[in-house]
Amino acid sequence: MECSLGVVEQTLGNWVKQYRAGTLKDATSKPRVTAEQMEISRLRAELVRVTMERDILHPTDKDLSMGTPAWEKRRRSSQRGKDETIAWLLWYNRTRMHSMLNYVSPVQFEQDWMEATEKIAA
């Protein structure tokens, strides 16, 4: 029978064992995600966001040194926040690989698209 189905005998035997044990799943079923797994995923995402906020907004030890005027501390923190935000945006658009863009960066995808449309137009 396995020959007519194109299935290896051992695979068919494993399916029978799983069926008898009540653990056989159909090919279209997706693994179920428990509430705990969803909560862990949400908490991980929140941790990433909070860590990023802390890294951008929290002043360094140099900024907290004694003798530095308060306005200078604020200016340094503000400038550091701006610099890190710009650095993150540049990374996000130039370096990060995006699965929906066939694992290329958004800038590279746009360049490839422009080249392809120019070839079609020519």
PDB file of N, CA and C in Angstrom:
ATOM      1  N   MET A   1       0.816  -1.197   0.000  1.00  0.00           N
ATOM      2  CA  MET A   1       0.000   0.000   0.000  1.00  0.00           C
ATOM      3  C   MET A   1       0.858   1.258   0.000  1.00  0.00           C
ATOM      4  N   GLU A   2       1.959   1.262   0.770  1.00  0.00           N
ATOM      5  CA  GLU A   2       2.800   2.451   0.830  1.00  0.00           C
ATOM      6  C   GLU A   2       3.413   2.791  -0.513  1.00  0.00           C
ATOM      7  N   CYS A   3       3.633   1.768  -1.354  1.00  0.00           N
ATOM      8  CA  CYS A   3       4.183   2.022  -2.686  1.00  0.00           C
ATOM      9  C   CYS A   3       3.197   2.816  -3.528  1.00  0.00           C
ATOM     10  N   SER A   4       1.919   2.487  -3.448  1.00  0.00           N
ATOM     11  CA  SER A   4       0.919   3.198  -4.246  1.00  0.00           C
ATOM     12  C   SER A   4       0.725   4.635  -3.754  1.00  0.00           C
ATOM     13  N   LEU A   5       1.019   4.875  -2.490  1.00  0.00           N
ATOM     14  CA  LEU A   5       0.902   6.231  -1.941  1.00  0.00           C
ATOM     15  C   LEU A   5       2.182   7.035  -2.113  1.00  0.00           C
ATOM     16  N   GLY A   6       3.291   6.364  -2.394  1.00  0.00           N
ATOM     17  CA  GLY A   6       4.562   7.051  -2.523  1.00  0.00           C
ATOM     18  C   GLY A   6       5.130   7.448  -1.170  1.00  0.00           C
ATOM     19  N   VAL A   7       4.826   6.659  -0.133  1.00  0.00           N
ATOM     20  CA  VAL A   7       5.267   6.954   1.225  1.00  0.00           C
ATOM     21  C   VAL A   7       6.173   5.829   1.685  1.00  0.00           C
ATOM     22  N   VAL A   8       7.234   6.185   2.397  1.00  0.00           N
ATOM     23  CA  VAL A   8       8.148   5.181   2.946  1.00  0.00           C
ATOM     24  C   VAL A   8       7.417   4.398   4.029  1.00  0.00           C
ATOM     25  N   GLU A   9       7.709   3.104   4.104  1.00  0.00           N
ATOM     26  CA  GLU A   9       7.033   2.216   5.057  1.00  0.00           C
ATOM     27  C   GLU A   9       7.189   2.703   6.504  1.00  0.00           C
ATOM     28  N   GLN A  10       8.367   3.189   6.841  1.00  0.00           N
ATOM     29  CA  GLN A  10       8.612   3.654   8.212  1.00  0.00           C
ATOM     30  C   GLN A  10       7.732   4.870   8.536  1.00  0.00           C
ATOM     31  N   THR A  11       7.569   5.778   7.579  1.00  0.00           N
ATOM     32  CA  THR A  11       6.721   6.952   7.789  1.00  0.00           C
ATOM     33  C   THR A  11       5.283   6.537   8.034  1.00  0.00           C
ATOM     34  N   LEU A  12       4.808   5.586   7.240  1.00  0.00           N
ATOM     35  CA  LEU A  12       3.451   5.087   7.417  1.00  0.00           C
ATOM     36  C   LEU A  12       3.289   4.450   8.791  1.00  0.00           C
ATOM     37  N   GLY A  13       4.294   3.696   9.221  1.00  0.00           N
ATOM     38  CA  GLY A  13       4.260   3.091  10.550  1.00  0.00           C
ATOM     39  C   GLY A  13       4.223   4.140  11.661  1.00  0.00           C
ATOM     40  N   ASN A  14       4.988   5.218  11.481  1.00  0.00           N
ATOM     41  CA  ASN A  14       4.976   6.309  12.476  1.00  0.00           C
ATOM     42  C   ASN A  14       3.609   6.966  12.542  1.00  0.00           C
ATOM     43  N   TRP A  15       2.967   7.150  11.393  1.00  0.00           N
ATOM     44  CA  TRP A  15       1.629   7.739  11.381  1.00  0.00           C
ATOM     45  C   TRP A  15       0.629   6.855  12.122  1.00  0.00           C
ATOM     46  N   VAL A  16       0.731   5.546  11.910  1.00  0.00           N
ATOM     47  CA  VAL A  16      -0.170   4.611  12.588  1.00  0.00           C
ATOM     48  C   VAL A  16       0.038   4.695  14.096  1.00  0.00           C
ATOM     49  N   LYS A  17       1.291   4.732  14.552  1.00  0.00           N
ATOM     50  CA  LYS A  17       1.582   4.847  15.987  1.00  0.00           C
ATOM     51  C   LYS A  17       1.009   6.143  16.564  1.00  0.00           C
ATOM     52  N   GLN A  18       1.197   7.240  15.843  1.00  0.00           N
ATOM     53  CA  GLN A  18       0.679   8.527  16.313  1.00  0.00           C
ATOM     54  C   GLN A  18      -0.846   8.516  16.350  1.00  0.00           C
ATOM     55  N   TYR A  19      -1.466   7.901  15.349  1.00  0.00           N
ATOM     56  CA  TYR A  19      -2.927   7.822  15.320  1.00  0.00           C
ATOM     57  C   TYR A  19      -3.435   7.051  16.530  1.00  0.00           C
ATOM     58  N   ARG A  20      -2.798   5.897  16.794  1.00  0.00           N
ATOM     59  CA  ARG A  20      -3.218   5.076  17.929  1.00  0.00           C
ATOM     60  C   ARG A  20      -3.007   5.798  19.257  1.00  0.00           C
ATOM     61  N   ALA A  21      -1.946   6.626  19.327  1.00  0.00           N
ATOM     62  CA  ALA A  21      -1.668   7.372  20.556  1.00  0.00           C
ATOM     63  C   ALA A  21      -2.528   8.631  20.653  1.00  0.00           C
ATOM     64  N   GLY A  22      -3.220   8.977  19.579  1.00  0.00           N
ATOM     65  CA  GLY A  22      -4.075  10.167  19.584  1.00  0.00           C
ATOM     66  C   GLY A  22      -3.297  11.461  19.388  1.00  0.00           C
ATOM     67  N   THR A  23      -2.078  11.365  18.859  1.00  0.00           N
ATOM     68  CA  THR A  23      -1.248  12.559  18.667  1.00  0.00           C
ATOM     69  C   THR A  23      -1.051  12.929  17.210  1.00  0.00           C
ATOM     70  N   LEU A  24      -1.730  12.228  16.292  1.00  0.00           N
ATOM     71  CA  LEU A  24      -1.584  12.508  14.868  1.00  0.00           C
ATOM     72  C   LEU A  24      -2.321  13.799  14.538  1.00  0.00           C
ATOM     73  N   LYS A  25      -1.626  14.698  13.839  1.00  0.00           N
ATOM     74  CA  LYS A  25      -2.212  15.980  13.431  1.00  0.00           C
ATOM     75  C   LYS A  25      -2.271  16.012  11.915  1.00  0.00           C
ATOM     76  N   ASP A  26      -3.265  16.696  11.369  1.00  0.00           N
ATOM     77  CA  ASP A  26      -3.328  16.790   9.917  1.00  0.00           C
ATOM     78  C   ASP A  26      -2.287  17.796   9.426  1.00  0.00           C
ATOM     79  N   ALA A  27      -1.999  17.745   8.142  1.00  0.00           N
ATOM     80  CA  ALA A  27      -0.924  18.562   7.566  1.00  0.00           C
ATOM     81  C   ALA A  27      -1.232  20.050   7.623  1.00  0.00           C
ATOM     82  N   THR A  28      -2.506  20.424   7.678  1.00  0.00           N
ATOM     83  CA  THR A  28      -2.859  21.840   7.673  1.00  0.00           C
ATOM     84  C   THR A  28      -2.935  22.437   9.062  1.00  0.00           C
ATOM     85  N   SER A  29      -2.885  21.616  10.079  1.00  0.00           N
ATOM     86  CA  SER A  29      -3.019  22.169  11.430  1.00  0.00           C
ATOM     87  C   SER A  29      -1.751  22.902  11.828  1.00  0.00           C
ATOM     88  N   LYS A  30      -1.946  24.041  12.426  1.00  0.00           N
ATOM     89  CA  LYS A  30      -0.826  24.829  12.912  1.00  0.00           C
ATOM     90  C   LYS A  30      -0.647  24.512  14.393  1.00  0.00           C
ATOM     91  N   PRO A  31       0.588  24.605  14.876  1.00  0.00           N
ATOM     92  CA  PRO A  31       0.786  24.356  16.296  1.00  0.00           C
ATOM     93  C   PRO A  31       0.016  25.387  17.118  1.00  0.00           C
ATOM     94  N   ARG A  32      -0.620  24.913  18.154  1.00  0.00           N
ATOM     95  CA  ARG A  32      -1.413  25.807  18.989  1.00  0.00           C
ATOM     96  C   ARG A  32      -0.499  26.618  19.885  1.00  0.00           C
ATOM     97  N   VAL A  33      -0.819  27.890  20.013  1.00  0.00           N
ATOM     98  CA  VAL A  33      -0.058  28.780  20.865  1.00  0.00           C
ATOM     99  C   VAL A  33      -0.862  28.965  22.141  1.00  0.00           C
ATOM    100  N   THR A  34      -0.239  28.663  23.263  1.00  0.00           N
ATOM    101  CA  THR A  34      -0.930  28.791  24.539  1.00  0.00           C
ATOM    102  C   THR A  34      -0.951  30.243  24.975  1.00  0.00           C
ATOM    103  N   ALA A  35      -1.792  30.536  25.933  1.00  0.00           N
ATOM    104  CA  ALA A  35      -1.878  31.894  26.478  1.00  0.00           C
ATOM    105  C   ALA A  35      -0.544  32.303  27.095  1.00  0.00           C
ATOM    106  N   GLU A  36       0.127  31.354  27.726  1.00  0.00           N
ATOM    107  CA  GLU A  36       1.421  31.650  28.337  1.00  0.00           C
ATOM    108  C   GLU A  36       2.460  32.021  27.279  1.00  0.00           C
ATOM    109  N   GLN A  37       2.458  31.292  26.153  1.00  0.00           N
ATOM    110  CA  GLN A  37       3.393  31.600  25.080  1.00  0.00           C
ATOM    111  C   GLN A  37       3.110  32.979  24.479  1.00  0.00           C
ATOM    112  N   MET A  38       1.832  33.317  24.329  1.00  0.00           N
ATOM    113  CA  MET A  38       1.468  34.637  23.817  1.00  0.00           C
ATOM    114  C   MET A  38       1.931  35.728  24.776  1.00  0.00           C
ATOM    115  N   GLU A  39       1.759  35.501  26.077  1.00  0.00           N
ATOM    116  CA  GLU A  39       2.177  36.485  27.068  1.00  0.00           C
ATOM    117  C   GLU A  39       3.695  36.640  27.071  1.00  0.00           C
ATOM    118  N   ILE A  40       4.431  35.542  26.942  1.00  0.00           N
ATOM    119  CA  ILE A  40       5.887  35.612  26.889  1.00  0.00           C
ATOM    120  C   ILE A  40       6.330  36.407  25.657  1.00  0.00           C
ATOM    121  N   SER A  41       5.689  36.171  24.528  1.00  0.00           N
ATOM    122  CA  SER A  41       6.018  36.900  23.305  1.00  0.00           C
ATOM    123  C   SER A  41       5.754  38.395  23.475  1.00  0.00           C
ATOM    124  N   ARG A  42       4.610  38.725  24.077  1.00  0.00           N
ATOM    125  CA  ARG A  42       4.277  40.135  24.317  1.00  0.00           C
ATOM    126  C   ARG A  42       5.282  40.783  25.253  1.00  0.00           C
ATOM    127  N   LEU A  43       5.660  40.072  26.311  1.00  0.00           N
ATOM    128  CA  LEU A  43       6.619  40.615  27.272  1.00  0.00           C
ATOM    129  C   LEU A  43       8.002  40.797  26.655  1.00  0.00           C
ATOM    130  N   ARG A  44       8.404  39.881  25.769  1.00  0.00           N
ATOM    131  CA  ARG A  44       9.693  40.040  25.091  1.00  0.00           C
ATOM    132  C   ARG A  44       9.691  41.284  24.213  1.00  0.00           C
ATOM    133  N   ALA A  45       8.607  41.498  23.488  1.00  0.00           N
ATOM    134  CA  ALA A  45       8.508  42.685  22.637  1.00  0.00           C
ATOM    135  C   ALA A  45       8.538  43.955  23.480  1.00  0.00           C
ATOM    136  N   GLU A  46       7.842  43.930  24.613  1.00  0.00           N
ATOM    137  CA  GLU A  46       7.840  45.092  25.498  1.00  0.00           C
ATOM    138  C   GLU A  46       9.238  45.335  26.065  1.00  0.00           C
ATOM    139  N   LEU A  47       9.960  44.261  26.406  1.00  0.00           N
ATOM    140  CA  LEU A  47      11.312  44.399  26.931  1.00  0.00           C
ATOM    141  C   LEU A  47      12.226  45.055  25.895  1.00  0.00           C
ATOM    142  N   VAL A  48      12.091  44.663  24.643  1.00  0.00           N
ATOM    143  CA  VAL A  48      12.897  45.278  23.585  1.00  0.00           C
ATOM    144  C   VAL A  48      12.593  46.767  23.490  1.00  0.00           C
ATOM    145  N   ARG A  49      11.301  47.119  23.523  1.00  0.00           N
ATOM    146  CA  ARG A  49      10.912  48.526  23.425  1.00  0.00           C
ATOM    147  C   ARG A  49      11.437  49.331  24.608  1.00  0.00           C
ATOM    148  N   VAL A  50      11.272  48.814  25.809  1.00  0.00           N
ATOM    149  CA  VAL A  50      11.696  49.528  27.010  1.00  0.00           C
ATOM    150  C   VAL A  50      13.222  49.652  27.045  1.00  0.00           C
ATOM    151  N   THR A  51      13.928  48.610  26.634  1.00  0.00           N
ATOM    152  CA  THR A  51      15.391  48.664  26.595  1.00  0.00           C
ATOM    153  C   THR A  51      15.853  49.738  25.623  1.00  0.00           C
ATOM    154  N   MET A  52      15.192  49.821  24.463  1.00  0.00           N
ATOM    155  CA  MET A  52      15.547  50.849  23.494  1.00  0.00           C
ATOM    156  C   MET A  52      15.296  52.243  24.059  1.00  0.00           C
ATOM    157  N   GLU A  53      14.156  52.435  24.706  1.00  0.00           N
ATOM    158  CA  GLU A  53      13.859  53.732  25.317  1.00  0.00           C
ATOM    159  C   GLU A  53      14.902  54.084  26.369  1.00  0.00           C
ATOM    160  N   ARG A  54      15.258  53.107  27.198  1.00  0.00           N
ATOM    161  CA  ARG A  54      16.251  53.358  28.237  1.00  0.00           C
ATOM    162  C   ARG A  54      17.593  53.749  27.634  1.00  0.00           C
ATOM    163  N   ASP A  55      18.015  53.028  26.611  1.00  0.00           N
ATOM    164  CA  ASP A  55      19.306  53.303  25.999  1.00  0.00           C
ATOM    165  C   ASP A  55      19.345  54.686  25.350  1.00  0.00           C
ATOM    166  N   ILE A  56      18.224  55.117  24.813  1.00  0.00           N
ATOM    167  CA  ILE A  56      18.181  56.417  24.149  1.00  0.00           C
ATOM    168  C   ILE A  56      18.021  57.551  25.158  1.00  0.00           C
ATOM    169  N   LEU A  57      17.169  57.376  26.150  1.00  0.00           N
ATOM    170  CA  LEU A  57      16.818  58.475  27.048  1.00  0.00           C
ATOM    171  C   LEU A  57      17.641  58.555  28.320  1.00  0.00           C
ATOM    172  N   HIS A  58      18.237  57.471  28.748  1.00  0.00           N
ATOM    173  CA  HIS A  58      18.965  57.479  30.021  1.00  0.00           C
ATOM    174  C   HIS A  58      20.324  58.143  29.854  1.00  0.00           C
ATOM    175  N   PRO A  59      20.618  59.150  30.654  1.00  0.00           N
ATOM    176  CA  PRO A  59      21.915  59.825  30.521  1.00  0.00           C
ATOM    177  C   PRO A  59      23.061  58.916  30.964  1.00  0.00           C
ATOM    178  N   THR A  60      24.224  59.148  30.386  1.00  0.00           N
ATOM    179  CA  THR A  60      25.400  58.366  30.751  1.00  0.00           C
ATOM    180  C   THR A  60      25.976  58.865  32.069  1.00  0.00           C
ATOM    181  N   ASP A  61      26.922  58.117  32.633  1.00  0.00           N
ATOM    182  CA  ASP A  61      27.581  58.533  33.873  1.00  0.00           C
ATOM    183  C   ASP A  61      28.313  59.849  33.686  1.00  0.00           C
ATOM    184  N   LYS A  62      28.870  60.074  32.488  1.00  0.00           N
ATOM    185  CA  LYS A  62      29.582  61.322  32.214  1.00  0.00           C
ATOM    186  C   LYS A  62      28.628  62.514  32.340  1.00  0.00           C
ATOM    187  N   ASP A  63      27.385  62.323  31.910  1.00  0.00           N
ATOM    188  CA  ASP A  63      26.405  63.404  31.992  1.00  0.00           C
ATOM    189  C   ASP A  63      26.020  63.706  33.437  1.00  0.00           C
ATOM    190  N   LEU A  64      26.152  62.720  34.316  1.00  0.00           N
ATOM    191  CA  LEU A  64      25.738  62.902  35.705  1.00  0.00           C
ATOM    192  C   LEU A  64      26.877  63.367  36.602  1.00  0.00           C
ATOM    193  N   SER A  65      28.030  63.654  36.029  1.00  0.00           N
ATOM    194  CA  SER A  65      29.174  64.029  36.849  1.00  0.00           C
ATOM    195  C   SER A  65      28.909  65.330  37.601  1.00  0.00           C
ATOM    196  N   MET A  66      29.539  65.426  38.749  1.00  0.00           N
ATOM    197  CA  MET A  66      29.388  66.625  39.584  1.00  0.00           C
ATOM    198  C   MET A  66      30.022  67.824  38.873  1.00  0.00           C
ATOM    199  N   GLY A  67      29.416  68.969  39.016  1.00  0.00           N
ATOM    200  CA  GLY A  67      29.967  70.183  38.446  1.00  0.00           C
ATOM    201  C   GLY A  67      29.438  70.510  37.065  1.00  0.00           C
ATOM    202  N   THR A  68      28.739  69.604  36.445  1.00  0.00           N
ATOM    203  CA  THR A  68      28.160  69.888  35.133  1.00  0.00           C
ATOM    204  C   THR A  68      26.822  70.582  35.341  1.00  0.00           C
ATOM    205  N   PRO A  69      26.640  71.758  34.724  1.00  0.00           N
ATOM    206  CA  PRO A  69      25.364  72.462  34.900  1.00  0.00           C
ATOM    207  C   PRO A  69      24.185  71.635  34.380  1.00  0.00           C
ATOM    208  N   ALA A  70      23.031  71.848  34.974  1.00  0.00           N
ATOM    209  CA  ALA A  70      21.830  71.086  34.607  1.00  0.00           C
ATOM    210  C   ALA A  70      21.479  71.272  33.138  1.00  0.00           C
ATOM    211  N   TRP A  71      21.606  72.499  32.609  1.00  0.00           N
ATOM    212  CA  TRP A  71      21.273  72.738  31.202  1.00  0.00           C
ATOM    213  C   TRP A  71      22.195  71.950  30.279  1.00  0.00           C
ATOM    214  N   GLU A  72      23.476  71.797  30.685  1.00  0.00           N
ATOM    215  CA  GLU A  72      24.412  71.042  29.870  1.00  0.00           C
ATOM    216  C   GLU A  72      24.063  69.556  29.877  1.00  0.00           C
ATOM    217  N   LYS A  73      23.635  69.056  31.037  1.00  0.00           N
ATOM    218  CA  LYS A  73      23.213  67.655  31.132  1.00  0.00           C
ATOM    219  C   LYS A  73      22.030  67.391  30.203  1.00  0.00           C
ATOM    220  N   ARG A  74      21.058  68.331  30.219  1.00  0.00           N
ATOM    221  CA  ARG A  74      19.882  68.171  29.363  1.00  0.00           C
ATOM    222  C   ARG A  74      20.273  68.233  27.886  1.00  0.00           C
ATOM    223  N   ARG A  75      21.178  69.149  27.530  1.00  0.00           N
ATOM    224  CA  ARG A  75      21.601  69.281  26.139  1.00  0.00           C
ATOM    225  C   ARG A  75      22.298  68.010  25.669  1.00  0.00           C
ATOM    226  N   ARG A  76      23.190  67.462  26.518  1.00  0.00           N
ATOM    227  CA  ARG A  76      23.903  66.247  26.150  1.00  0.00           C
ATOM    228  C   ARG A  76      22.936  65.076  25.985  1.00  0.00           C
ATOM    229  N   SER A  77      21.990  64.963  26.921  1.00  0.00           N
ATOM    230  CA  SER A  77      21.008  63.875  26.838  1.00  0.00           C
ATOM    231  C   SER A  77      20.154  64.011  25.591  1.00  0.00           C
ATOM    232  N   SER A  78      19.737  65.235  25.303  1.00  0.00           N
ATOM    233  CA  SER A  78      18.907  65.481  24.128  1.00  0.00           C
ATOM    234  C   SER A  78      19.675  65.161  22.850  1.00  0.00           C
ATOM    235  N   GLN A  79      20.929  65.620  22.771  1.00  0.00           N
ATOM    236  CA  GLN A  79      21.739  65.372  21.575  1.00  0.00           C
ATOM    237  C   GLN A  79      22.014  63.880  21.424  1.00  0.00           C
ATOM    238  N   ARG A  80      22.300  63.203  22.538  1.00  0.00           N
ATOM    239  CA  ARG A  80      22.553  61.756  22.485  1.00  0.00           C
ATOM    240  C   ARG A  80      21.307  61.024  21.989  1.00  0.00           C
ATOM    241  N   GLY A  81      20.140  61.437  22.486  1.00  0.00           N
ATOM    242  CA  GLY A  81      18.888  60.826  22.039  1.00  0.00           C
ATOM    243  C   GLY A  81      18.672  61.009  20.546  1.00  0.00           C
ATOM    244  N   LYS A  82      18.945  62.225  20.056  1.00  0.00           N
ATOM    245  CA  LYS A  82      18.795  62.485  18.626  1.00  0.00           C
ATOM    246  C   LYS A  82      19.777  61.650  17.811  1.00  0.00           C
ATOM    247  N   ASP A  83      21.031  61.601  18.262  1.00  0.00           N
ATOM    248  CA  ASP A  83      22.052  60.828  17.539  1.00  0.00           C
ATOM    249  C   ASP A  83      21.691  59.350  17.478  1.00  0.00           C
ATOM    250  N   GLU A  84      21.242  58.789  18.599  1.00  0.00           N
ATOM    251  CA  GLU A  84      20.901  57.371  18.625  1.00  0.00           C
ATOM    252  C   GLU A  84      19.645  57.076  17.805  1.00  0.00           C
ATOM    253  N   THR A  85      18.698  58.006  17.795  1.00  0.00           N
ATOM    254  CA  THR A  85      17.491  57.822  16.978  1.00  0.00           C
ATOM    255  C   THR A  85      17.858  57.808  15.493  1.00  0.00           C
ATOM    256  N   ILE A  86      18.707  58.735  15.083  1.00  0.00           N
ATOM    257  CA  ILE A  86      19.135  58.782  13.684  1.00  0.00           C
ATOM    258  C   ILE A  86      19.920  57.525  13.328  1.00  0.00           C
ATOM    259  N   ALA A  87      20.794  57.086  14.224  1.00  0.00           N
ATOM    260  CA  ALA A  87      21.566  55.864  13.972  1.00  0.00           C
ATOM    261  C   ALA A  87      20.634  54.662  13.814  1.00  0.00           C
ATOM    262  N   TRP A  88      19.605  54.589  14.652  1.00  0.00           N
ATOM    263  CA  TRP A  88      18.660  53.477  14.557  1.00  0.00           C
ATOM    264  C   TRP A  88      17.889  53.536  13.247  1.00  0.00           C
ATOM    265  N   LEU A  89      17.439  54.732  12.844  1.00  0.00           N
ATOM    266  CA  LEU A  89      16.701  54.874  11.586  1.00  0.00           C
ATOM    267  C   LEU A  89      17.569  54.492  10.386  1.00  0.00           C
ATOM    268  N   LEU A  90      18.836  54.891  10.414  1.00  0.00           N
ATOM    269  CA  LEU A  90      19.737  54.514   9.330  1.00  0.00           C
ATOM    270  C   LEU A  90      19.924  53.001   9.286  1.00  0.00           C
ATOM    271  N   TRP A  91      20.102  52.376  10.444  1.00  0.00           N
ATOM    272  CA  TRP A  91      20.215  50.920  10.476  1.00  0.00           C
ATOM    273  C   TRP A  91      18.933  50.271   9.955  1.00  0.00           C
ATOM    274  N   TYR A  92      17.781  50.781  10.391  1.00  0.00           N
ATOM    275  CA  TYR A  92      16.485  50.200  10.037  1.00  0.00           C
ATOM    276  C   TYR A  92      16.261  50.228   8.528  1.00  0.00           C
ATOM    277  N   ASN A  93      16.666  51.308   7.889  1.00  0.00           N
ATOM    278  CA  ASN A  93      16.403  51.455   6.460  1.00  0.00           C
ATOM    279  C   ASN A  93      17.532  50.959   5.563  1.00  0.00           C
ATOM    280  N   ARG A  94      18.777  50.946   6.068  1.00  0.00           N
ATOM    281  CA  ARG A  94      19.902  50.594   5.208  1.00  0.00           C
ATOM    282  C   ARG A  94      20.459  49.195   5.441  1.00  0.00           C
ATOM    283  N   THR A  95      20.348  48.668   6.650  1.00  0.00           N
ATOM    284  CA  THR A  95      21.020  47.429   6.991  1.00  0.00           C
ATOM    285  C   THR A  95      20.053  46.284   7.258  1.00  0.00           C
ATOM    286  N   ARG A  96      18.966  46.553   7.940  1.00  0.00           N
ATOM    287  CA  ARG A  96      18.031  45.517   8.387  1.00  0.00           C
ATOM    288  C   ARG A  96      17.474  44.744   7.203  1.00  0.00           C
ATOM    289  N   MET A  97      17.490  43.423   7.333  1.00  0.00           N
ATOM    290  CA  MET A  97      16.920  42.563   6.298  1.00  0.00           C
ATOM    291  C   MET A  97      15.435  42.363   6.586  1.00  0.00           C
ATOM    292  N   HIS A  98      14.606  42.526   5.578  1.00  0.00           N
ATOM    293  CA  HIS A  98      13.163  42.458   5.759  1.00  0.00           C
ATOM    294  C   HIS A  98      12.616  41.238   5.013  1.00  0.00           C
ATOM    295  N   SER A  99      11.899  40.381   5.720  1.00  0.00           N
ATOM    296  CA  SER A  99      11.400  39.148   5.107  1.00  0.00           C
ATOM    297  C   SER A  99      10.407  39.419   3.971  1.00  0.00           C
ATOM    298  N   MET A 100       9.601  40.456   4.088  1.00  0.00           N
ATOM    299  CA  MET A 100       8.628  40.754   3.035  1.00  0.00           C
ATOM    300  C   MET A 100       9.290  41.318   1.779  1.00  0.00           C
ATOM    301  N   LEU A 101      10.560  41.733   1.901  1.00  0.00           N
ATOM    302  CA  LEU A 101      11.288  42.279   0.757  1.00  0.00           C
ATOM    303  C   LEU A 101      12.330  41.286   0.255  1.00  0.00           C
ATOM    304  N   ASN A 102      12.048  39.995   0.466  1.00  0.00           N
ATOM    305  CA  ASN A 102      12.940  38.927   0.020  1.00  0.00           C
ATOM    306  C   ASN A 102      14.307  39.016   0.707  1.00  0.00           C
ATOM    307  N   TYR A 103      14.305  39.388   1.966  1.00  0.00           N
ATOM    308  CA  TYR A 103      15.502  39.450   2.804  1.00  0.00           C
ATOM    309  C   TYR A 103      16.585  40.378   2.256  1.00  0.00           C
ATOM    310  N   VAL A 104      16.174  41.543   1.842  1.00  0.00           N
ATOM    311  CA  VAL A 104      17.112  42.617   1.515  1.00  0.00           C
ATOM    312  C   VAL A 104      16.684  43.844   2.300  1.00  0.00           C
ATOM    313  N   SER A 105      17.576  44.812   2.423  1.00  0.00           N
ATOM    314  CA  SER A 105      17.235  46.027   3.159  1.00  0.00           C
ATOM    315  C   SER A 105      16.249  46.853   2.333  1.00  0.00           C
ATOM    316  N   PRO A 106      15.466  47.716   2.987  1.00  0.00           N
ATOM    317  CA  PRO A 106      14.527  48.552   2.239  1.00  0.00           C
ATOM    318  C   PRO A 106      15.214  49.421   1.187  1.00  0.00           C
ATOM    319  N   VAL A 107      16.385  49.961   1.504  1.00  0.00           N
ATOM    320  CA  VAL A 107      17.095  50.801   0.536  1.00  0.00           C
ATOM    321  C   VAL A 107      17.519  49.967  -0.669  1.00  0.00           C
ATOM    322  N   GLN A 108      18.066  48.768  -0.420  1.00  0.00           N
ATOM    323  CA  GLN A 108      18.489  47.898  -1.518  1.00  0.00           C
ATOM    324  C   GLN A 108      17.296  47.471  -2.366  1.00  0.00           C
ATOM    325  N   PHE A 109      16.169  47.167  -1.717  1.00  0.00           N
ATOM    326  CA  PHE A 109      14.959  46.780  -2.447  1.00  0.00           C
ATOM    327  C   PHE A 109      14.513  47.908  -3.363  1.00  0.00           C
ATOM    328  N   GLU A 110      14.527  49.143  -2.851  1.00  0.00           N
ATOM    329  CA  GLU A 110      14.110  50.283  -3.657  1.00  0.00           C
ATOM    330  C   GLU A 110      15.066  50.498  -4.835  1.00  0.00           C
ATOM    331  N   GLN A 111      16.376  50.350  -4.600  1.00  0.00           N
ATOM    332  CA  GLN A 111      17.345  50.488  -5.700  1.00  0.00           C
ATOM    333  C   GLN A 111      17.128  49.418  -6.766  1.00  0.00           C
ATOM    334  N   ASP A 112      16.927  48.175  -6.327  1.00  0.00           N
ATOM    335  CA  ASP A 112      16.672  47.089  -7.275  1.00  0.00           C
ATOM    336  C   ASP A 112      15.396  47.340  -8.068  1.00  0.00           C
ATOM    337  N   TRP A 113      14.367  47.836  -7.396  1.00  0.00           N
ATOM    338  CA  TRP A 113      13.092  48.115  -8.059  1.00  0.00           C
ATOM    339  C   TRP A 113      13.251  49.215  -9.099  1.00  0.00           C
ATOM    340  N   MET A 114      14.000  50.268  -8.725  1.00  0.00           N
ATOM    341  CA  MET A 114      14.214  51.376  -9.679  1.00  0.00           C
ATOM    342  C   MET A 114      14.976  50.886 -10.910  1.00  0.00           C
ATOM    343  N   GLU A 115      15.995  50.036 -10.698  1.00  0.00           N
ATOM    344  CA  GLU A 115      16.757  49.506 -11.829  1.00  0.00           C
ATOM    345  C   GLU A 115      15.863  48.640 -12.724  1.00  0.00           C
ATOM    346  N   ALA A 116      15.024  47.834 -12.113  1.00  0.00           N
ATOM    347  CA  ALA A 116      14.134  46.962 -12.897  1.00  0.00           C
ATOM    348  C   ALA A 116      13.133  47.781 -13.709  1.00  0.00           C
ATOM    349  N   THR A 117      12.571  48.827 -13.121  1.00  0.00           N
ATOM    350  CA  THR A 117      11.592  49.648 -13.855  1.00  0.00           C
ATOM    351  C   THR A 117      12.270  50.452 -14.958  1.00  0.00           C
ATOM    352  N   GLU A 118      13.534  50.857 -14.740  1.00  0.00           N
ATOM    353  CA  GLU A 118      14.255  51.578 -15.793  1.00  0.00           C
ATOM    354  C   GLU A 118      14.533  50.647 -16.967  1.00  0.00           C
ATOM    355  N   LYS A 119      14.866  49.362 -16.695  1.00  0.00           N
ATOM    356  CA  LYS A 119      15.104  48.407 -17.763  1.00  0.00           C
ATOM    357  C   LYS A 119      13.837  48.146 -18.564  1.00  0.00           C
ATOM    358  N   ILE A 120      12.698  48.067 -17.863  1.00  0.00           N
ATOM    359  CA  ILE A 120      11.426  47.834 -18.544  1.00  0.00           C
ATOM    360  C   ILE A 120      11.063  49.025 -19.400  1.00  0.00           C
ATOM    361  N   ALA A 121      11.306  50.243 -18.886  1.00  0.00           N
ATOM    362  CA  ALA A 121      10.963  51.460 -19.616  1.00  0.00           C
ATOM    363  C   ALA A 121      11.860  51.652 -20.834  1.00  0.00           C
ATOM    364  N   ALA A 122      13.074  51.153 -20.769  1.00  0.00           N
ATOM    365  CA  ALA A 122      14.030  51.362 -21.878  1.00  0.00           C
ATOM    366  C   ALA A 122      13.781  50.459 -23.061  1.00  0.00           C
TER     367      ALA A 122
END
